[in-house]
Amino acid sequence: MAASRCGYTINGILTIRHHSLFTPRHKYLEDHELRVIHKVASPLIQSIMVLTYLTGLRNRDLIKIKRSDLTD
């Protein structure tokens, strides 16, 4: 309160604690590990894996793609 009387204001956003919804990755898949998983996956999962790898899209974004979004 004394700070505001002297013309200073406190940025309220700085007092908010930020919570991460995601745990940071500790390991990335190596190419040989990805090939093993791809080999035993179902055809649908294999297709999703390939499209994810080629496009760089996240799985949740890839699954939202509609046929009308695709072009040759």
Protein backbone atom coordinates (compact mmCIF):
# COMPACT_ATOMS: atom_id res chain seq x y z
CA MET A 1 0.00 0.00 0.00
CA ALA A 2 2.79 2.44 0.82
CA ALA A 3 4.33 1.85 -2.61
CA SER A 4 1.09 2.81 -4.36
CA ARG A 5 0.87 6.03 -2.31
CA CYS A 6 4.34 6.98 -3.57
CA GLY A 7 3.30 6.40 -7.20
CA TYR A 8 4.68 2.87 -7.59
CA THR A 9 2.50 0.02 -8.72
CA ILE A 10 3.06 -3.71 -8.38
CA ASN A 11 2.60 -5.82 -11.48
CA GLY A 12 0.07 -8.41 -10.30
CA ILE A 13 1.00 -10.86 -13.06
CA LEU A 14 4.42 -11.31 -11.45
CA THR A 15 2.80 -12.77 -8.34
CA ILE A 16 1.04 -15.60 -10.21
CA ARG A 17 2.65 -19.02 -9.96
CA HIS A 18 2.76 -20.75 -13.33
CA HIS A 19 1.95 -24.44 -13.47
CA SER A 20 3.12 -26.55 -16.35
CA LEU A 21 0.55 -28.98 -17.71
CA PHE A 22 3.26 -31.09 -19.31
CA THR A 23 6.27 -32.82 -17.90
CA PRO A 24 9.40 -32.03 -19.88
CA ARG A 25 10.78 -34.87 -21.93
CA HIS A 26 13.80 -36.65 -20.56
CA LYS A 27 14.28 -38.91 -23.57
CA TYR A 28 13.77 -38.62 -27.29
CA LEU A 29 13.30 -41.70 -29.46
CA GLU A 30 16.27 -42.72 -31.53
CA ASP A 31 15.65 -43.77 -35.16
CA HIS A 32 16.17 -47.47 -34.40
CA GLU A 33 13.68 -47.30 -31.51
CA LEU A 34 11.09 -45.64 -33.75
CA ARG A 35 11.56 -48.38 -36.37
CA VAL A 36 10.97 -51.14 -33.77
CA ILE A 37 7.77 -49.48 -32.52
CA HIS A 38 6.59 -48.87 -36.09
CA LYS A 39 7.17 -52.53 -36.99
CA VAL A 40 4.85 -53.85 -34.23
CA ALA A 41 2.18 -51.10 -34.47
CA SER A 42 -1.16 -51.52 -36.21
CA PRO A 43 -1.50 -50.14 -39.77
CA LEU A 44 -3.47 -47.13 -38.49
CA ILE A 45 -0.82 -46.27 -35.90
CA GLN A 46 1.92 -46.81 -38.50
CA SER A 47 0.22 -44.28 -40.78
CA ILE A 48 -0.12 -41.78 -37.96
CA MET A 49 3.54 -42.28 -37.03
CA VAL A 50 4.71 -41.67 -40.60
CA LEU A 51 2.53 -38.58 -41.05
CA THR A 52 3.64 -37.20 -37.69
CA TYR A 53 7.28 -37.78 -38.60
CA LEU A 54 6.96 -36.24 -42.08
CA THR A 55 4.84 -33.22 -41.14
CA GLY A 56 6.13 -32.44 -37.67
CA LEU A 57 2.54 -32.10 -36.43
CA ARG A 58 1.54 -33.15 -32.95
CA ASN A 59 -0.69 -36.22 -32.74
CA ARG A 60 -3.68 -34.20 -31.56
CA ASP A 61 -3.28 -31.80 -34.50
CA LEU A 62 -2.80 -34.61 -36.99
CA ILE A 63 -5.95 -36.40 -35.83
CA LYS A 64 -8.00 -33.20 -36.39
CA ILE A 65 -7.12 -33.08 -40.10
CA LYS A 66 -10.13 -33.44 -42.40
CA ARG A 67 -10.09 -34.81 -45.93
CA SER A 68 -10.88 -31.30 -47.19
CA ASP A 69 -7.59 -30.08 -45.62
CA LEU A 70 -5.56 -32.39 -47.88
CA THR A 71 -4.37 -31.42 -51.36
CA ASP A 72 -2.03 -33.01 -53.89
